[in-house]
Amino acid sequence: AYNALAEEMKAFDDKVKAAEALAKTDYL
């Protein structure tokens, strides 16, 4: 159960990091 949750959270974390990386070029 923990590993399944970790995979789900990693996918969400990747989205968050992609959005944060986008802030360097297009803040809006």
PDB file of all heavy atoms in Angstrom:
ATOM      1  N   ALA A   1       0.828  -1.202   0.000  1.00  0.00           N
ATOM      2  CA  ALA A   1       0.000   0.000   0.000  1.00  0.00           C
ATOM      3  C   ALA A   1       0.864   1.255   0.000  1.00  0.00           C
ATOM      4  O   ALA A   1       0.571   2.232  -0.710  1.00  0.00           O
ATOM      5  CB  ALA A   1      -0.926   0.000   1.216  1.00  0.00           C
ATOM      6  N   TYR A   2       1.949   1.230   0.770  1.00  0.00           N
ATOM      7  CA  TYR A   2       2.830   2.389   0.835  1.00  0.00           C
ATOM      8  C   TYR A   2       3.513   2.633  -0.510  1.00  0.00           C
ATOM      9  O   TYR A   2       3.617   3.775  -0.957  1.00  0.00           O
ATOM     10  CB  TYR A   2       3.886   2.197   1.943  1.00  0.00           C
ATOM     11  CG  TYR A   2       4.718   3.426   2.172  1.00  0.00           C
ATOM     12  CD1 TYR A   2       4.257   4.442   2.997  1.00  0.00           C
ATOM     13  CD2 TYR A   2       5.960   3.580   1.565  1.00  0.00           C
ATOM     14  CE1 TYR A   2       5.002   5.584   3.205  1.00  0.00           C
ATOM     15  CE2 TYR A   2       6.708   4.720   1.770  1.00  0.00           C
ATOM     16  CZ  TYR A   2       6.227   5.715   2.585  1.00  0.00           C
ATOM     17  OH  TYR A   2       6.967   6.841   2.789  1.00  0.00           O
ATOM     18  N   ASN A   3       3.967   1.576  -1.165  1.00  0.00           N
ATOM     19  CA  ASN A   3       4.618   1.728  -2.462  1.00  0.00           C
ATOM     20  C   ASN A   3       3.649   2.240  -3.521  1.00  0.00           C
ATOM     21  O   ASN A   3       4.022   3.037  -4.378  1.00  0.00           O
ATOM     22  CB  ASN A   3       5.269   0.416  -2.904  1.00  0.00           C
ATOM     23  CG  ASN A   3       6.465   0.068  -2.061  1.00  0.00           C
ATOM     24  OD1 ASN A   3       7.074   0.923  -1.427  1.00  0.00           O
ATOM     25  ND2 ASN A   3       6.816  -1.202  -2.026  1.00  0.00           N
ATOM     26  N   ALA A   4       2.388   1.781  -3.470  1.00  0.00           N
ATOM     27  CA  ALA A   4       1.380   2.281  -4.408  1.00  0.00           C
ATOM     28  C   ALA A   4       1.145   3.772  -4.182  1.00  0.00           C
ATOM     29  O   ALA A   4       1.083   4.556  -5.143  1.00  0.00           O
ATOM     30  CB  ALA A   4       0.079   1.502  -4.241  1.00  0.00           C
ATOM     31  N   LEU A   5       1.043   4.170  -2.922  1.00  0.00           N
ATOM     32  CA  LEU A   5       0.871   5.581  -2.599  1.00  0.00           C
ATOM     33  C   LEU A   5       2.098   6.379  -3.027  1.00  0.00           C
ATOM     34  O   LEU A   5       1.977   7.489  -3.556  1.00  0.00           O
ATOM     35  CB  LEU A   5       0.603   5.761  -1.107  1.00  0.00           C
ATOM     36  CG  LEU A   5       0.421   7.199  -0.628  1.00  0.00           C
ATOM     37  CD1 LEU A   5      -0.816   7.819  -1.262  1.00  0.00           C
ATOM     38  CD2 LEU A   5       0.320   7.246   0.891  1.00  0.00           C
ATOM     39  N   ALA A   6       3.267   5.814  -2.827  1.00  0.00           N
ATOM     40  CA  ALA A   6       4.508   6.509  -3.213  1.00  0.00           C
ATOM     41  C   ALA A   6       4.558   6.748  -4.720  1.00  0.00           C
ATOM     42  O   ALA A   6       4.975   7.822  -5.160  1.00  0.00           O
ATOM     43  CB  ALA A   6       5.720   5.701  -2.759  1.00  0.00           C
ATOM     44  N   GLU A   7       4.130   5.768  -5.510  1.00  0.00           N
ATOM     45  CA  GLU A   7       4.104   5.954  -6.962  1.00  0.00           C
ATOM     46  C   GLU A   7       3.128   7.054  -7.354  1.00  0.00           C
ATOM     47  O   GLU A   7       3.427   7.892  -8.205  1.00  0.00           O
ATOM     48  CB  GLU A   7       3.720   4.647  -7.658  1.00  0.00           C
ATOM     49  CG  GLU A   7       4.844   3.651  -7.743  1.00  0.00           C
ATOM     50  CD  GLU A   7       4.452   2.416  -8.526  1.00  0.00           C
ATOM     51  OE1 GLU A   7       3.694   2.549  -9.511  1.00  0.00           O
ATOM     52  OE2 GLU A   7       4.905   1.328  -8.147  1.00  0.00           O
ATOM     53  N   GLU A   8       1.959   7.040  -6.727  1.00  0.00           N
ATOM     54  CA  GLU A   8       0.951   8.063  -7.009  1.00  0.00           C
ATOM     55  C   GLU A   8       1.478   9.453  -6.645  1.00  0.00           C
ATOM     56  O   GLU A   8       1.337  10.408  -7.417  1.00  0.00           O
ATOM     57  CB  GLU A   8      -0.315   7.745  -6.196  1.00  0.00           C
ATOM     58  CG  GLU A   8      -1.446   8.705  -6.387  1.00  0.00           C
ATOM     59  CD  GLU A   8      -2.623   8.363  -5.482  1.00  0.00           C
ATOM     60  OE1 GLU A   8      -2.779   7.189  -5.102  1.00  0.00           O
ATOM     61  OE2 GLU A   8      -3.386   9.293  -5.162  1.00  0.00           O
ATOM     62  N   MET A   9       2.105   9.550  -5.489  1.00  0.00           N
ATOM     63  CA  MET A   9       2.635  10.841  -5.044  1.00  0.00           C
ATOM     64  C   MET A   9       3.829  11.288  -5.892  1.00  0.00           C
ATOM     65  O   MET A   9       4.025  12.474  -6.114  1.00  0.00           O
ATOM     66  CB  MET A   9       3.023  10.780  -3.562  1.00  0.00           C
ATOM     67  CG  MET A   9       1.843  10.659  -2.637  1.00  0.00           C
ATOM     68  SD  MET A   9       0.760  12.094  -2.746  1.00  0.00           S
ATOM     69  CE  MET A   9      -0.827  11.313  -2.718  1.00  0.00           C
ATOM     70  N   LYS A  10       4.608  10.340  -6.389  1.00  0.00           N
ATOM     71  CA  LYS A  10       5.739  10.683  -7.253  1.00  0.00           C
ATOM     72  C   LYS A  10       5.236  11.269  -8.571  1.00  0.00           C
ATOM     73  O   LYS A  10       5.792  12.246  -9.075  1.00  0.00           O
ATOM     74  CB  LYS A  10       6.619   9.470  -7.530  1.00  0.00           C
ATOM     75  CG  LYS A  10       7.868   9.820  -8.330  1.00  0.00           C
ATOM     76  CD  LYS A  10       8.705   8.614  -8.643  1.00  0.00           C
ATOM     77  CE  LYS A  10       9.946   8.917  -9.415  1.00  0.00           C
ATOM     78  NZ  LYS A  10       9.892   9.949 -10.416  1.00  0.00           N
ATOM     79  N   ALA A  11       4.168  10.690  -9.112  1.00  0.00           N
ATOM     80  CA  ALA A  11       3.589  11.222 -10.346  1.00  0.00           C
ATOM     81  C   ALA A  11       3.072  12.645 -10.115  1.00  0.00           C
ATOM     82  O   ALA A  11       3.286  13.537 -10.949  1.00  0.00           O
ATOM     83  CB  ALA A  11       2.466  10.318 -10.837  1.00  0.00           C
ATOM     84  N   PHE A  12       2.427  12.863  -8.969  1.00  0.00           N
ATOM     85  CA  PHE A  12       1.936  14.201  -8.647  1.00  0.00           C
ATOM     86  C   PHE A  12       3.105  15.158  -8.416  1.00  0.00           C
ATOM     87  O   PHE A  12       3.072  16.305  -8.856  1.00  0.00           O
ATOM     88  CB  PHE A  12       1.033  14.141  -7.408  1.00  0.00           C
ATOM     89  CG  PHE A  12       0.310  15.418  -7.130  1.00  0.00           C
ATOM     90  CD1 PHE A  12      -0.820  15.752  -7.847  1.00  0.00           C
ATOM     91  CD2 PHE A  12       0.754  16.287  -6.150  1.00  0.00           C
ATOM     92  CE1 PHE A  12      -1.493  16.936  -7.600  1.00  0.00           C
ATOM     93  CE2 PHE A  12       0.097  17.469  -5.884  1.00  0.00           C
ATOM     94  CZ  PHE A  12      -1.039  17.801  -6.621  1.00  0.00           C
ATOM     95  N   ASP A  13       4.144  14.675  -7.754  1.00  0.00           N
ATOM     96  CA  ASP A  13       5.329  15.489  -7.504  1.00  0.00           C
ATOM     97  C   ASP A  13       5.998  15.897  -8.811  1.00  0.00           C
ATOM     98  O   ASP A  13       6.494  17.023  -8.932  1.00  0.00           O
ATOM     99  CB  ASP A  13       6.313  14.720  -6.614  1.00  0.00           C
ATOM    100  CG  ASP A  13       7.463  15.579  -6.132  1.00  0.00           C
ATOM    101  OD1 ASP A  13       7.199  16.691  -5.617  1.00  0.00           O
ATOM    102  OD2 ASP A  13       8.627  15.150  -6.269  1.00  0.00           O
ATOM    103  N   ASP A  14       6.012  15.012  -9.789  1.00  0.00           N
ATOM    104  CA  ASP A  14       6.575  15.347 -11.095  1.00  0.00           C
ATOM    105  C   ASP A  14       5.806  16.496 -11.740  1.00  0.00           C
ATOM    106  O   ASP A  14       6.398  17.384 -12.356  1.00  0.00           O
ATOM    107  CB  ASP A  14       6.577  14.124 -12.019  1.00  0.00           C
ATOM    108  CG  ASP A  14       7.581  13.068 -11.592  1.00  0.00           C
ATOM    109  OD1 ASP A  14       8.505  13.393 -10.798  1.00  0.00           O
ATOM    110  OD2 ASP A  14       7.443  11.908 -12.038  1.00  0.00           O
ATOM    111  N   LYS A  15       4.477  16.475 -11.590  1.00  0.00           N
ATOM    112  CA  LYS A  15       3.655  17.571 -12.132  1.00  0.00           C
ATOM    113  C   LYS A  15       3.970  18.886 -11.421  1.00  0.00           C
ATOM    114  O   LYS A  15       4.067  19.935 -12.060  1.00  0.00           O
ATOM    115  CB  LYS A  15       2.177  17.237 -11.989  1.00  0.00           C
ATOM    116  CG  LYS A  15       1.707  16.107 -12.865  1.00  0.00           C
ATOM    117  CD  LYS A  15       0.244  15.797 -12.605  1.00  0.00           C
ATOM    118  CE  LYS A  15      -0.214  14.577 -13.387  1.00  0.00           C
ATOM    119  NZ  LYS A  15      -1.607  14.214 -13.071  1.00  0.00           N
ATOM    120  N   VAL A  16       4.115  18.823 -10.112  1.00  0.00           N
ATOM    121  CA  VAL A  16       4.423  20.030  -9.334  1.00  0.00           C
ATOM    122  C   VAL A  16       5.793  20.577  -9.747  1.00  0.00           C
ATOM    123  O   VAL A  16       5.956  21.781  -9.965  1.00  0.00           O
ATOM    124  CB  VAL A  16       4.379  19.741  -7.821  1.00  0.00           C
ATOM    125  CG1 VAL A  16       4.929  20.907  -7.020  1.00  0.00           C
ATOM    126  CG2 VAL A  16       2.962  19.412  -7.385  1.00  0.00           C
ATOM    127  N   LYS A  17       6.779  19.688  -9.876  1.00  0.00           N
ATOM    128  CA  LYS A  17       8.122  20.134 -10.274  1.00  0.00           C
ATOM    129  C   LYS A  17       8.127  20.709 -11.689  1.00  0.00           C
ATOM    130  O   LYS A  17       8.845  21.667 -11.963  1.00  0.00           O
ATOM    131  CB  LYS A  17       9.113  18.977 -10.162  1.00  0.00           C
ATOM    132  CG  LYS A  17       9.461  18.649  -8.731  1.00  0.00           C
ATOM    133  CD  LYS A  17      10.451  17.521  -8.638  1.00  0.00           C
ATOM    134  CE  LYS A  17      10.765  17.235  -7.176  1.00  0.00           C
ATOM    135  NZ  LYS A  17      11.651  16.105  -7.010  1.00  0.00           N
ATOM    136  N   ALA A  18       7.330  20.131 -12.576  1.00  0.00           N
ATOM    137  CA  ALA A  18       7.249  20.657 -13.945  1.00  0.00           C
ATOM    138  C   ALA A  18       6.658  22.068 -13.928  1.00  0.00           C
ATOM    139  O   ALA A  18       7.148  22.955 -14.644  1.00  0.00           O
ATOM    140  CB  ALA A  18       6.411  19.737 -14.817  1.00  0.00           C
ATOM    141  N   ALA A  19       5.651  22.262 -13.097  1.00  0.00           N
ATOM    142  CA  ALA A  19       5.054  23.597 -12.988  1.00  0.00           C
ATOM    143  C   ALA A  19       6.045  24.588 -12.379  1.00  0.00           C
ATOM    144  O   ALA A  19       6.132  25.734 -12.825  1.00  0.00           O
ATOM    145  CB  ALA A  19       3.784  23.531 -12.154  1.00  0.00           C
ATOM    146  N   GLU A  20       6.799  24.145 -11.393  1.00  0.00           N
ATOM    147  CA  GLU A  20       7.802  25.026 -10.777  1.00  0.00           C
ATOM    148  C   GLU A  20       8.920  25.355 -11.759  1.00  0.00           C
ATOM    149  O   GLU A  20       9.438  26.467 -11.771  1.00  0.00           O
ATOM    150  CB  GLU A  20       8.361  24.379  -9.515  1.00  0.00           C
ATOM    151  CG  GLU A  20       7.358  24.337  -8.379  1.00  0.00           C
ATOM    152  CD  GLU A  20       7.833  23.523  -7.192  1.00  0.00           C
ATOM    153  OE1 GLU A  20       8.858  22.810  -7.305  1.00  0.00           O
ATOM    154  OE2 GLU A  20       7.163  23.588  -6.141  1.00  0.00           O
ATOM    155  N   ALA A  21       9.291  24.384 -12.590  1.00  0.00           N
ATOM    156  CA  ALA A  21      10.327  24.633 -13.598  1.00  0.00           C
ATOM    157  C   ALA A  21       9.820  25.605 -14.663  1.00  0.00           C
ATOM    158  O   ALA A  21      10.581  26.417 -15.190  1.00  0.00           O
ATOM    159  CB  ALA A  21      10.761  23.325 -14.244  1.00  0.00           C
ATOM    160  N   LEU A  22       8.531  25.533 -14.972  1.00  0.00           N
ATOM    161  CA  LEU A  22       7.930  26.429 -15.952  1.00  0.00           C
ATOM    162  C   LEU A  22       7.950  27.873 -15.458  1.00  0.00           C
ATOM    163  O   LEU A  22       7.980  28.808 -16.269  1.00  0.00           O
ATOM    164  CB  LEU A  22       6.495  25.989 -16.250  1.00  0.00           C
ATOM    165  CG  LEU A  22       5.726  26.757 -17.303  1.00  0.00           C
ATOM    166  CD1 LEU A  22       6.435  26.637 -18.651  1.00  0.00           C
ATOM    167  CD2 LEU A  22       4.308  26.246 -17.398  1.00  0.00           C
ATOM    168  N   ALA A  23       7.979  28.041 -14.148  1.00  0.00           N
ATOM    169  CA  ALA A  23       7.990  29.388 -13.567  1.00  0.00           C
ATOM    170  C   ALA A  23       9.205  30.195 -14.003  1.00  0.00           C
ATOM    171  O   ALA A  23       9.172  31.417 -14.016  1.00  0.00           O
ATOM    172  CB  ALA A  23       7.922  29.305 -12.054  1.00  0.00           C
ATOM    173  N   LYS A  24      10.273  29.523 -14.391  1.00  0.00           N
ATOM    174  CA  LYS A  24      11.481  30.233 -14.827  1.00  0.00           C
ATOM    175  C   LYS A  24      11.283  30.904 -16.182  1.00  0.00           C
ATOM    176  O   LYS A  24      11.932  31.899 -16.478  1.00  0.00           O
ATOM    177  CB  LYS A  24      12.660  29.270 -14.886  1.00  0.00           C
ATOM    178  CG  LYS A  24      13.069  28.750 -13.532  1.00  0.00           C
ATOM    179  CD  LYS A  24      14.207  27.770 -13.632  1.00  0.00           C
ATOM    180  CE  LYS A  24      14.550  27.242 -12.242  1.00  0.00           C
ATOM    181  NZ  LYS A  24      15.574  26.211 -12.282  1.00  0.00           N
ATOM    182  N   THR A  25      10.385  30.343 -16.992  1.00  0.00           N
ATOM    183  CA  THR A  25      10.180  30.907 -18.328  1.00  0.00           C
ATOM    184  C   THR A  25       8.837  31.622 -18.457  1.00  0.00           C
ATOM    185  O   THR A  25       8.759  32.667 -19.092  1.00  0.00           O
ATOM    186  CB  THR A  25      10.254  29.798 -19.404  1.00  0.00           C
ATOM    187  OG1 THR A  25       9.283  28.799 -19.102  1.00  0.00           O
ATOM    188  CG2 THR A  25      11.640  29.186 -19.446  1.00  0.00           C
ATOM    189  N   ASP A  26       7.777  31.066 -17.892  1.00  0.00           N
ATOM    190  CA  ASP A  26       6.444  31.667 -18.002  1.00  0.00           C
ATOM    191  C   ASP A  26       5.739  31.587 -16.652  1.00  0.00           C
ATOM    192  O   ASP A  26       5.102  30.584 -16.322  1.00  0.00           O
ATOM    193  CB  ASP A  26       5.635  30.951 -19.081  1.00  0.00           C
ATOM    194  CG  ASP A  26       4.355  31.693 -19.429  1.00  0.00           C
ATOM    195  OD1 ASP A  26       4.005  32.660 -18.717  1.00  0.00           O
ATOM    196  OD2 ASP A  26       3.706  31.302 -20.421  1.00  0.00           O
ATOM    197  N   TYR A  27       5.862  32.649 -15.908  1.00  0.00           N
ATOM    198  CA  TYR A  27       5.344  32.683 -14.548  1.00  0.00           C
ATOM    199  C   TYR A  27       3.825  32.499 -14.509  1.00  0.00           C
ATOM    200  O   TYR A  27       3.296  31.828 -13.633  1.00  0.00           O
ATOM    201  CB  TYR A  27       5.737  34.004 -13.879  1.00  0.00           C
ATOM    202  CG  TYR A  27       5.334  34.079 -12.438  1.00  0.00           C
ATOM    203  CD1 TYR A  27       6.047  33.427 -11.451  1.00  0.00           C
ATOM    204  CD2 TYR A  27       4.197  34.783 -12.058  1.00  0.00           C
ATOM    205  CE1 TYR A  27       5.659  33.475 -10.127  1.00  0.00           C
ATOM    206  CE2 TYR A  27       3.791  34.837 -10.743  1.00  0.00           C
ATOM    207  CZ  TYR A  27       4.530  34.180  -9.781  1.00  0.00           C
ATOM    208  OH  TYR A  27       4.128  34.228  -8.479  1.00  0.00           O
ATOM    209  N   LEU A  28       3.100  33.091 -15.441  1.00  0.00           N
ATOM    210  CA  LEU A  28       1.641  33.008 -15.422  1.00  0.00           C
ATOM    211  C   LEU A  28       1.139  31.591 -15.689  1.00  0.00           C
ATOM    212  O   LEU A  28       0.228  31.108 -15.011  1.00  0.00           O
ATOM    213  CB  LEU A  28       1.045  33.982 -16.455  1.00  0.00           C
ATOM    214  CG  LEU A  28       1.252  35.465 -16.130  1.00  0.00           C
ATOM    215  CD1 LEU A  28       0.712  36.332 -17.247  1.00  0.00           C
ATOM    216  CD2 LEU A  28       0.596  35.814 -14.810  1.00  0.00           C
TER     217      LEU A  28
END
